[in-house]
Every structure is written in C-alpha cells, then in structure tokens.
Amino acid sequence: MAATMKVIGMSEQGPAAWPALYQQWVDESERLVGGERQLAFFPGYQGEKIGLKGGLKATVERLLETDKKTVILASGDPLFYGIGGYLAKKVPKIELYPALSSIQAGFAKMQESWHDATFLSVHGRAMKGLAQKIDGQKKVCLLTDETNSPAAIAAYLLDYGMSEYKAFVAEALGGANEKTGWFELDELTRYEAHPLNLVILKQTGKAPSFPLGIDDHLFRQRKPDKGLITKKEVRTLSIAALKLTKTSTVWDIGTCTGSVAIEAARIATEGQVFAIEKNEADLANCYENMKTFRTDFTVVHGKAPAQLDSWPDPDAVFIGGTGGELPEIIRTCAERLKAGGRIVLNAVTVETLATAQTAFKEAGLALEMTLAQLSRSKPILHMTRFDALNPIYILTATKEETDGNR
C-alpha cells in the first residue's frame, strides 16, 4: 500500500511553531520536499531533500515514481493560493495540515475581521485586470511578490484614481524582521517593504459608482466628431444580449472609445476583456476612459481580424466596427467562439445588416435580430420633445452546444 504524503504548512517561525507531532513526522520521513526557505530549517535532515524547482508538475511526477514516506513543506495554509489544491488532485493519498497563515496573522495585527474581505493574489501573476476586481470592495487583501510590491500596487491604484483606500502592510510576520503599519497610497509608493509581505486595503473615503449604462457624455470622445460611441441605450441592450458572467472572456472588435469593453470588464471582473481599434486617436481616448472607469483590460492598435489569433477563445464577442472586413471577422470569431457563446453586432445600414446576416448563416450560427428605434427627451422652452437616435440593428448570433463542442 502506498504511503500517505503529508503536506505541512509553515509560518516564518518555521518548525518552532509546530506541534511536536509535525516534527516527529519529519524525523520519520524518508524525503523532505519544499522551497529553499522551508528546507533551510532542516540542515541536519538525514533523508532525501527535494527542492521545489523546475515546476510542480515535474516534482509530483518524480515523487510518484517511488513509494517513500514523504513530507512536503508549504507556506502558511497550503490550500490558500498554495500548492495544496494541486497536490490534492494529483497525489492519490495525501493529508494536509495548515499553519497559521499570513492572512490570519495580518488581520490579527490589523485588529479587524477577515471574513468580510476580498482576497486576491498578484504573487507571480500580472496585475492586469486588478482595477475592476478591487473597485467598490470595502476591504481587500493582496498577496504580493517582489515585482508586485506594496509600492507598485499603490502606484497602480493611484493610476486608476482609487485614492479612497488606505493600506495596511504586514511584513515578515512571525519572523525577526516583522513589521506592520498603515500607509496613505501616495506615501506607500515611496516605501521599500520586506519582500515577504501582504497588503490589506481598506476603503476609508467615498468611491464613485458606475452602474450599467454609463452616460455617453462621461466618456472622453473624439473631437469635434463626437458621436463615435455605442449609445447608452443600445450599449445596454447589446451587453444584455452578450449574457456575460463574472468569468467571461470577451472580445470587443472596433472598440473606439472603449465604452462596451469598459462595461463588459465591470461585469466580467474575474474574466478577461480584449479590445482592438485601428484609429490611434480613438485608442488614446479608450485608455483615458479605462482609467476614468477603473477598468484594466488588453487593448491593441490594429485592424481585425489581424491579431485576434493571439487572444484566448471568447465566450462573447461584440462587433461595433469592422473596417470593411465584416465577413472575414465574423468567420474568424465564429470559429473561435466557445460552445454556447454569443456574438453581438450593431449595424446602422441595411447593407451591413444583409452582409452580417449572410455571414452568420454561413458560419452556422443561430441568429436573432432586433431593430432598436429610440428617442431621448429634450426640453424646448417650458415643454419637452423627443429627439430620435439613429435606428440600430442589434444582431445576436449564438453558437449552439452539440455533443462535439460541449
């Protein structure tokens, strides 16, 4: 019978903070696995030592080749952004023993509850998309690394106007270099923290609110040719047709001011949004609007369908501009669209409507069409009249799920 591998969490105090039983398991084991920092606590270990280098997958495969009593060392709680979840899926017989995590210790030093916090990690990950994850949250705990340091996080937040947060930084918790303190974000941008740290953000000021259907005039637009924006009413209908979720991967073709991509990013906070725009002036406005509405997504300068092949397959695609390549764009998007995904296209002319209808049919997508004829009220003296917006055809194409593409 294969031996059970034990995964034991460690704090900065190392085995000194362990129950005696954990040390006994290490003493009785035949191999000890962990990071360089964890293994350094056991200089006299007599068995085989294996460092977690060269990828976790390769290490696990090596461990499973022979049946030995094995202890795997992890940081804090191995099931919280740690190796525990992966090991539990890959190792047939495993037991996990969490230590006091840096999260628990950090909130204890802060003297605040942590059950109501949002937890995010930028440890070994890009900060792309972090703005919309944090915006509006009252309390956020961030696991950091040497690149995504407290100073870098503070600079990032200020770049998106999130000055309503104060930061509590907890460094080297439980170790000889332990240090904690509160910072204003501008102060934190100049602070050099210990590499082992976490950042807890607390909202102490009023934050702006941007519900679905952001008013058109709030977006920075091309001047003097204003109007190159998906109008609020049509935008709301189009986003509803996309049926986005928190984890959706979204493409926005011809993003212009970025209005649809921005609204999509504020819904798909745990997903990804990719946008493309061929006009440099519009692209500059898009970047400004992203900062204003606290959304951080991937925008590229180019003309679709070029560059789309580098993006992950989408759950939803919005086509607002095509630059004359509509059939090819629809064909490319339809091929890449995930099963059950949707493509929404806004057409102003009957010629575009006809071209799109044919292209969607040839791509084998189920199609629904809506003609939106909308008017907005406008004061005239002491009375009110209505100004009509341009009629818009909203086409919604769905890639139906079959046994072959589920």
Protein backbone atom coordinates (compact mmCIF):
# COMPACT_ATOMS: atom_id res chain seq x y z
CA MET A 1 0.00 0.00 0.00
CA ALA A 2 1.35 3.42 -0.99
CA ALA A 3 2.43 5.66 1.86
CA THR A 4 0.46 8.80 2.58
CA MET A 5 2.21 12.06 1.76
CA LYS A 6 1.81 14.79 4.35
CA VAL A 7 1.70 18.48 3.41
CA ILE A 8 2.55 20.69 6.39
CA GLY A 9 2.19 24.46 6.39
CA MET A 10 4.86 26.65 7.96
CA SER A 11 4.95 30.22 9.21
CA GLU A 12 8.04 32.46 9.33
CA GLN A 13 8.88 30.86 12.69
CA GLY A 14 9.40 27.54 10.98
CA PRO A 15 9.12 24.28 12.95
CA ALA A 16 9.46 26.17 16.24
CA ALA A 17 5.75 26.99 15.96
CA TRP A 18 4.75 23.39 15.14
CA PRO A 19 3.17 20.79 17.40
CA ALA A 20 5.71 18.10 18.37
CA LEU A 21 3.85 15.59 16.17
CA TYR A 22 4.76 17.50 12.98
CA GLN A 23 8.46 17.34 13.84
CA GLN A 24 8.09 13.62 14.53
CA TRP A 25 6.62 13.12 11.04
CA VAL A 26 9.60 14.92 9.50
CA ASP A 27 12.05 12.83 11.56
CA GLU A 28 10.35 9.59 10.47
CA SER A 29 10.09 10.58 6.79
CA GLU A 30 12.39 9.36 4.02
CA ARG A 31 12.23 12.51 1.92
CA LEU A 32 11.51 16.15 2.57
CA VAL A 33 10.14 18.41 -0.15
CA GLY A 34 9.85 22.21 -0.11
CA GLY A 35 11.11 25.57 -1.18
CA GLU A 36 14.63 26.69 -0.43
CA ARG A 37 13.47 28.78 2.53
CA GLN A 38 11.50 25.92 4.11
CA LEU A 39 14.22 23.30 3.63
CA ALA A 40 16.78 25.62 5.27
CA PHE A 41 15.05 25.00 8.62
CA PHE A 42 16.26 21.37 8.49
CA PRO A 43 20.04 21.45 7.89
CA GLY A 44 20.59 18.11 9.62
CA TYR A 45 17.86 16.15 7.85
CA GLN A 46 19.14 12.65 7.05
CA GLY A 47 16.74 11.66 4.27
CA GLU A 48 16.42 12.84 0.67
CA LYS A 49 15.78 16.55 0.16
CA ILE A 50 13.91 17.73 -2.94
CA GLY A 51 13.62 21.41 -3.76
CA LEU A 52 10.52 22.76 -5.47
CA LYS A 53 12.31 23.96 -8.56
CA GLY A 54 11.67 23.29 -12.22
CA GLY A 55 7.88 23.18 -11.93
CA LEU A 56 5.48 21.49 -9.54
CA LYS A 57 4.26 19.01 -12.17
CA ALA A 58 7.73 17.53 -12.68
CA THR A 59 8.27 17.31 -8.91
CA VAL A 60 5.00 15.45 -8.36
CA GLU A 61 5.80 13.00 -11.15
CA ARG A 62 9.15 12.33 -9.50
CA LEU A 63 7.53 11.78 -6.10
CA LEU A 64 5.06 9.27 -7.52
CA GLU A 65 7.81 7.19 -9.14
CA THR A 66 8.81 5.65 -5.78
CA ASP A 67 6.90 4.86 -2.60
CA LYS A 68 8.58 6.69 0.27
CA LYS A 69 7.41 8.37 3.44
CA THR A 70 7.21 11.96 2.27
CA VAL A 71 6.65 15.31 3.98
CA ILE A 72 6.00 18.34 1.75
CA LEU A 73 6.58 21.76 3.31
CA ALA A 74 4.39 24.71 2.29
CA SER A 75 3.89 28.33 3.31
CA GLY A 76 1.01 29.08 5.67
CA ASP A 77 -2.18 27.41 4.57
CA PRO A 78 -1.30 25.27 1.51
CA LEU A 79 -4.93 25.41 0.33
CA PHE A 80 -5.00 29.22 0.12
CA TYR A 81 -3.26 30.26 -3.12
CA GLY A 82 -0.78 27.49 -2.34
CA ILE A 83 0.30 24.09 -3.62
CA GLY A 84 -2.25 22.14 -1.59
CA GLY A 85 -5.07 22.22 -4.13
CA TYR A 86 -2.84 20.95 -6.94
CA LEU A 87 -1.30 18.21 -4.80
CA ALA A 88 -4.71 17.03 -3.57
CA LYS A 89 -5.76 16.43 -7.19
CA LYS A 90 -2.54 14.71 -8.30
CA VAL A 91 -1.44 12.63 -5.30
CA PRO A 92 -3.66 9.58 -4.54
CA LYS A 93 -3.06 9.56 -0.77
CA ILE A 94 -2.39 12.89 0.87
CA GLU A 95 -3.05 14.70 4.15
CA LEU A 96 -2.89 18.48 4.58
CA TYR A 97 -2.03 20.33 7.78
CA PRO A 98 -2.31 24.14 7.51
CA ALA A 99 -0.31 26.51 9.65
CA LEU A 100 -1.44 29.91 10.85
CA SER A 101 -1.50 31.78 7.54
CA SER A 102 -0.02 35.21 6.93
CA ILE A 103 -3.61 36.29 6.16
CA GLN A 104 -4.83 35.41 9.65
CA ALA A 105 -1.75 36.91 11.28
CA GLY A 106 -2.03 40.08 9.19
CA PHE A 107 -5.64 40.74 10.10
CA ALA A 108 -4.85 39.99 13.75
CA LYS A 109 -2.15 42.67 13.68
CA MET A 110 -4.60 44.99 11.95
CA GLN A 111 -7.21 44.04 14.60
CA GLU A 112 -10.01 43.62 12.10
CA SER A 113 -12.19 40.72 10.94
CA TRP A 114 -11.25 38.98 7.70
CA HIS A 115 -14.39 37.00 6.87
CA ASP A 116 -15.77 40.03 5.00
CA ALA A 117 -12.63 40.73 2.94
CA THR A 118 -11.96 40.07 -0.74
CA PHE A 119 -8.80 38.02 -1.29
CA LEU A 120 -6.65 38.45 -4.40
CA SER A 121 -3.18 37.31 -5.37
CA VAL A 122 -0.65 39.08 -7.58
CA HIS A 123 2.10 36.72 -6.45
CA GLY A 124 3.72 35.51 -9.64
CA ARG A 125 0.85 37.00 -11.67
CA ALA A 126 0.35 40.13 -13.72
CA MET A 127 -1.72 42.96 -12.25
CA LYS A 128 -3.76 43.13 -15.48
CA GLY A 129 -7.45 43.29 -14.55
CA LEU A 130 -6.82 44.16 -10.92
CA ALA A 131 -8.59 47.54 -11.07
CA GLN A 132 -12.08 46.15 -11.69
CA LYS A 133 -11.56 43.40 -9.11
CA ILE A 134 -10.74 45.93 -6.37
CA ASP A 135 -13.08 48.80 -7.30
CA GLY A 136 -16.02 49.07 -4.90
CA GLN A 137 -14.70 46.49 -2.41
CA LYS A 138 -14.61 47.69 1.19
CA LYS A 139 -11.69 45.51 2.29
CA VAL A 140 -9.16 43.75 0.03
CA CYS A 141 -6.24 41.51 0.96
CA LEU A 142 -3.46 41.16 -1.64
CA LEU A 143 -0.73 38.54 -1.70
CA THR A 144 2.32 40.19 -3.27
CA ASP A 145 5.75 39.39 -4.67
CA GLU A 146 8.97 41.30 -5.29
CA THR A 147 7.71 42.74 -8.59
CA ASN A 148 4.13 43.42 -7.49
CA SER A 149 5.30 45.05 -4.28
CA PRO A 150 3.30 47.34 -1.97
CA ALA A 151 4.84 50.35 -3.74
CA ALA A 152 3.88 49.01 -7.19
CA ILE A 153 0.35 48.22 -6.04
CA ALA A 154 -0.08 51.72 -4.59
CA ALA A 155 1.14 53.33 -7.83
CA TYR A 156 -1.23 51.13 -9.85
CA LEU A 157 -4.24 52.07 -7.70
CA LEU A 158 -3.47 55.78 -7.90
CA ASP A 159 -3.17 55.46 -11.69
CA TYR A 160 -6.83 54.38 -11.66
CA GLY A 161 -7.88 57.09 -9.23
CA MET A 162 -8.50 54.78 -6.26
CA SER A 163 -7.34 57.23 -3.62
CA GLU A 164 -10.20 56.25 -1.29
CA TYR A 165 -8.12 53.34 0.03
CA LYS A 166 -5.58 53.22 2.84
CA ALA A 167 -3.13 50.32 3.01
CA PHE A 168 -2.04 48.15 5.91
CA VAL A 169 1.27 46.44 5.14
CA ALA A 170 2.33 43.40 7.14
CA GLU A 171 5.94 42.30 6.61
CA ALA A 172 7.77 39.08 7.59
CA LEU A 173 5.02 38.11 10.01
CA GLY A 174 6.25 35.86 12.82
CA GLY A 175 9.89 36.42 11.90
CA ALA A 176 12.69 38.50 13.33
CA ASN A 177 12.02 41.27 10.79
CA GLU A 178 8.28 41.53 11.46
CA LYS A 179 6.88 45.00 10.82
CA THR A 180 3.38 46.37 10.28
CA GLY A 181 1.87 49.77 9.60
CA TRP A 182 -0.75 51.92 7.88
CA PHE A 183 0.05 53.99 4.77
CA GLU A 184 -1.63 56.51 2.54
CA LEU A 185 -1.23 55.31 -1.04
CA ASP A 186 1.00 58.19 -2.16
CA GLU A 187 3.24 57.51 0.85
CA LEU A 188 3.33 53.80 0.05
CA THR A 189 4.64 54.42 -3.50
CA ARG A 190 7.94 55.50 -1.91
CA TYR A 191 8.16 52.69 0.64
CA GLU A 192 10.51 49.72 0.25
CA ALA A 193 8.93 46.78 2.04
CA HIS A 194 10.43 43.47 3.13
CA PRO A 195 9.97 41.00 0.23
CA LEU A 196 7.72 38.78 2.38
CA ASN A 197 4.63 40.87 2.89
CA LEU A 198 0.94 41.24 2.28
CA VAL A 199 -1.16 44.34 1.67
CA ILE A 200 -4.63 44.91 3.09
CA LEU A 201 -6.63 47.74 1.54
CA LYS A 202 -9.42 49.42 3.46
CA GLN A 203 -11.85 51.85 1.86
CA THR A 204 -11.84 54.98 4.00
CA GLY A 205 -13.22 57.52 1.53
CA LYS A 206 -16.13 57.79 -0.85
CA ALA A 207 -15.76 55.95 -4.16
CA PRO A 208 -17.52 56.79 -7.44
CA SER A 209 -20.21 54.43 -8.68
CA PHE A 210 -20.64 53.38 -12.32
CA PRO A 211 -23.78 51.26 -12.77
CA LEU A 212 -24.55 49.58 -16.08
CA GLY A 213 -25.44 52.16 -18.71
CA ILE A 214 -22.80 54.85 -18.18
CA ASP A 215 -23.94 58.18 -19.63
CA ASP A 216 -22.40 58.93 -23.04
CA HIS A 217 -21.13 62.38 -22.09
CA LEU A 218 -18.93 60.92 -19.34
CA PHE A 219 -16.75 59.17 -21.90
CA ARG A 220 -13.87 61.02 -23.50
CA GLN A 221 -14.64 61.04 -27.24
CA ARG A 222 -13.05 62.23 -30.45
CA LYS A 223 -13.47 65.97 -31.06
CA PRO A 224 -15.03 67.66 -32.96
CA ASP A 225 -16.56 64.40 -34.32
CA LYS A 226 -18.41 63.34 -31.21
CA GLY A 227 -20.89 60.55 -31.59
CA LEU A 228 -18.49 57.67 -32.41
CA ILE A 229 -19.71 55.75 -29.39
CA THR A 230 -22.24 52.99 -28.84
CA LYS A 231 -25.07 54.99 -27.27
CA LYS A 232 -26.04 54.16 -23.70
CA GLU A 233 -29.41 52.61 -24.56
CA VAL A 234 -28.04 50.47 -27.40
CA ARG A 235 -24.96 49.60 -25.34
CA THR A 236 -27.14 48.33 -22.50
CA LEU A 237 -29.23 46.20 -24.86
CA SER A 238 -26.11 44.84 -26.56
CA ILE A 239 -24.40 43.90 -23.30
CA ALA A 240 -27.58 42.21 -22.10
CA ALA A 241 -27.57 40.19 -25.35
CA LEU A 242 -23.98 39.06 -24.66
CA LYS A 243 -25.13 37.38 -21.41
CA LEU A 244 -21.85 37.98 -19.62
CA THR A 245 -20.83 36.34 -16.37
CA LYS A 246 -18.09 37.18 -13.86
CA THR A 247 -15.70 34.79 -15.60
CA SER A 248 -16.46 35.60 -19.26
CA THR A 249 -13.70 36.07 -21.82
CA VAL A 250 -14.86 38.94 -24.04
CA TRP A 251 -13.67 40.36 -27.37
CA ASP A 252 -14.58 43.90 -28.48
CA ILE A 253 -13.93 44.46 -32.18
CA GLY A 254 -13.62 48.14 -33.09
CA THR A 255 -13.70 49.37 -29.50
CA CYS A 256 -13.37 53.12 -30.34
CA THR A 257 -13.93 54.93 -27.01
CA GLY A 258 -13.95 51.59 -25.22
CA SER A 259 -17.48 52.02 -23.89
CA VAL A 260 -18.64 48.42 -24.46
CA ALA A 261 -15.34 46.89 -23.31
CA ILE A 262 -15.43 49.02 -20.16
CA GLU A 263 -18.98 47.98 -19.27
CA ALA A 264 -18.08 44.35 -20.04
CA ALA A 265 -14.99 44.49 -17.81
CA ARG A 266 -17.05 45.79 -14.92
CA ILE A 267 -19.23 42.67 -15.22
CA ALA A 268 -16.56 40.06 -16.10
CA THR A 269 -14.34 41.02 -13.15
CA GLU A 270 -12.86 37.53 -12.88
CA GLY A 271 -12.65 37.02 -16.64
CA GLN A 272 -10.72 38.76 -19.41
CA VAL A 273 -11.55 41.51 -21.90
CA PHE A 274 -9.66 42.09 -25.15
CA ALA A 275 -10.28 45.05 -27.46
CA ILE A 276 -8.91 46.17 -30.82
CA GLU A 277 -9.09 49.59 -32.51
CA LYS A 278 -7.50 50.81 -35.76
CA ASN A 279 -7.73 54.57 -35.09
CA GLU A 280 -4.95 55.92 -32.86
CA ALA A 281 -6.93 58.95 -31.70
CA ASP A 282 -9.80 56.73 -30.55
CA LEU A 283 -7.32 54.40 -28.88
CA ALA A 284 -5.92 57.28 -26.81
CA ASN A 285 -9.44 58.14 -25.66
CA CYS A 286 -10.05 54.49 -24.81
CA TYR A 287 -7.03 54.43 -22.49
CA GLU A 288 -8.23 57.59 -20.74
CA ASN A 289 -11.71 56.12 -20.33
CA MET A 290 -10.29 52.93 -18.87
CA LYS A 291 -8.61 54.96 -16.12
CA THR A 292 -11.74 57.03 -15.51
CA PHE A 293 -13.99 54.00 -15.12
CA ARG A 294 -11.43 51.85 -13.31
CA THR A 295 -11.09 49.02 -15.77
CA ASP A 296 -7.85 47.40 -16.86
CA PHE A 297 -8.03 45.18 -19.94
CA THR A 298 -5.98 44.39 -23.04
CA VAL A 299 -6.27 46.90 -25.89
CA VAL A 300 -4.32 46.62 -29.14
CA HIS A 301 -3.87 49.01 -32.05
CA GLY A 302 -4.77 47.18 -35.23
CA LYS A 303 -7.39 46.09 -37.68
CA ALA A 304 -9.37 42.90 -37.15
CA PRO A 305 -9.18 40.02 -37.88
CA ALA A 306 -5.40 40.50 -37.63
CA GLN A 307 -4.03 39.96 -34.08
CA LEU A 308 -7.09 38.02 -32.91
CA ASP A 309 -5.24 34.71 -33.11
CA SER A 310 -3.13 35.66 -30.07
CA TRP A 311 -6.22 36.06 -27.84
CA PRO A 312 -7.85 33.23 -25.85
CA ASP A 313 -11.12 31.82 -27.23
CA PRO A 314 -14.06 34.07 -26.29
CA ASP A 315 -17.34 33.41 -24.53
CA ALA A 316 -18.72 36.61 -26.03
CA VAL A 317 -17.81 38.93 -28.91
CA PHE A 318 -19.08 42.44 -29.58
CA ILE A 319 -18.57 43.78 -33.10
CA GLY A 320 -19.02 47.54 -33.24
CA GLY A 321 -16.70 48.36 -36.14
CA THR A 322 -15.18 46.26 -38.89
CA GLY A 323 -13.19 48.44 -41.28
CA GLY A 324 -14.75 46.70 -44.28
CA GLU A 325 -13.69 43.17 -43.26
CA LEU A 326 -17.04 42.06 -41.83
CA PRO A 327 -17.43 38.58 -43.42
CA GLU A 328 -13.88 37.58 -42.51
CA ILE A 329 -14.25 38.95 -38.96
CA ILE A 330 -17.50 37.05 -38.41
CA ARG A 331 -15.96 33.86 -39.81
CA THR A 332 -12.91 34.17 -37.52
CA CYS A 333 -14.98 34.99 -34.43
CA ALA A 334 -17.43 32.16 -35.13
CA GLU A 335 -14.60 29.63 -35.46
CA ARG A 336 -13.02 30.72 -32.17
CA LEU A 337 -16.24 31.21 -30.20
CA LYS A 338 -16.78 28.75 -27.37
CA ALA A 339 -19.80 26.45 -27.45
CA GLY A 340 -22.82 28.34 -26.14
CA GLY A 341 -21.05 31.65 -26.80
CA ARG A 342 -22.63 34.71 -28.40
CA ILE A 343 -21.63 37.33 -30.95
CA VAL A 344 -23.46 40.66 -30.86
CA LEU A 345 -23.15 43.03 -33.80
CA ASN A 346 -24.54 46.55 -34.16
CA ALA A 347 -25.42 47.56 -37.73
CA VAL A 348 -26.53 51.02 -38.84
CA THR A 349 -27.14 50.33 -42.55
CA VAL A 350 -29.27 47.73 -44.30
CA GLU A 351 -26.23 46.77 -46.37
CA THR A 352 -24.27 45.86 -43.22
CA LEU A 353 -27.34 44.05 -41.93
CA ALA A 354 -27.57 41.95 -45.08
CA THR A 355 -23.84 41.18 -45.16
CA ALA A 356 -23.82 40.17 -41.50
CA GLN A 357 -26.95 38.05 -41.83
CA THR A 358 -25.38 36.07 -44.68
CA ALA A 359 -22.04 35.69 -42.86
CA PHE A 360 -23.66 34.42 -39.67
CA LYS A 361 -25.73 31.93 -41.66
CA GLU A 362 -22.64 30.65 -43.49
CA ALA A 363 -20.85 30.30 -40.13
CA GLY A 364 -23.67 28.07 -38.88
CA LEU A 365 -24.74 30.32 -36.00
CA ALA A 366 -28.31 30.75 -34.81
CA LEU A 367 -29.35 34.37 -35.34
CA GLU A 368 -31.79 36.76 -33.68
CA MET A 369 -32.26 40.38 -34.79
CA THR A 370 -33.69 43.42 -33.05
CA LEU A 371 -34.34 46.85 -34.55
CA ALA A 372 -33.89 49.47 -31.83
CA GLN A 373 -35.61 52.79 -32.59
CA LEU A 374 -35.02 55.04 -29.61
CA SER A 375 -35.63 58.68 -28.75
CA ARG A 376 -34.40 60.89 -25.94
CA SER A 377 -36.34 63.68 -24.31
CA LYS A 378 -35.16 67.24 -24.87
CA PRO A 379 -36.51 70.45 -23.30
CA ILE A 380 -37.98 73.08 -25.60
CA LEU A 381 -38.94 76.28 -23.76
CA HIS A 382 -41.25 75.10 -20.94
CA MET A 383 -42.14 71.90 -22.80
CA THR A 384 -40.49 68.60 -23.79
CA ARG A 385 -39.94 66.99 -27.15
CA PHE A 386 -38.12 63.84 -28.27
CA ASP A 387 -35.02 63.60 -30.48
CA ALA A 388 -34.68 60.31 -32.33
CA LEU A 389 -31.42 58.37 -32.23
CA ASN A 390 -30.27 56.55 -35.33
CA PRO A 391 -32.10 53.22 -35.69
CA ILE A 392 -29.74 50.33 -34.87
CA TYR A 393 -29.98 46.69 -35.87
CA ILE A 394 -28.77 44.51 -32.98
CA LEU A 395 -27.81 41.06 -34.26
CA THR A 396 -27.23 38.27 -31.73
CA ALA A 397 -25.64 35.08 -33.05
CA THR A 398 -25.28 32.00 -30.84
CA LYS A 399 -23.00 29.01 -31.24
CA GLU A 400 -25.22 26.16 -30.18
CA GLU A 401 -23.83 23.41 -27.98
CA THR A 402 -23.60 19.95 -29.53
CA ASP A 403 -22.04 16.70 -28.40
CA GLY A 404 -18.97 17.66 -30.41
CA ASN A 405 -18.35 21.10 -28.93
CA ARG A 406 -19.54 20.94 -25.32
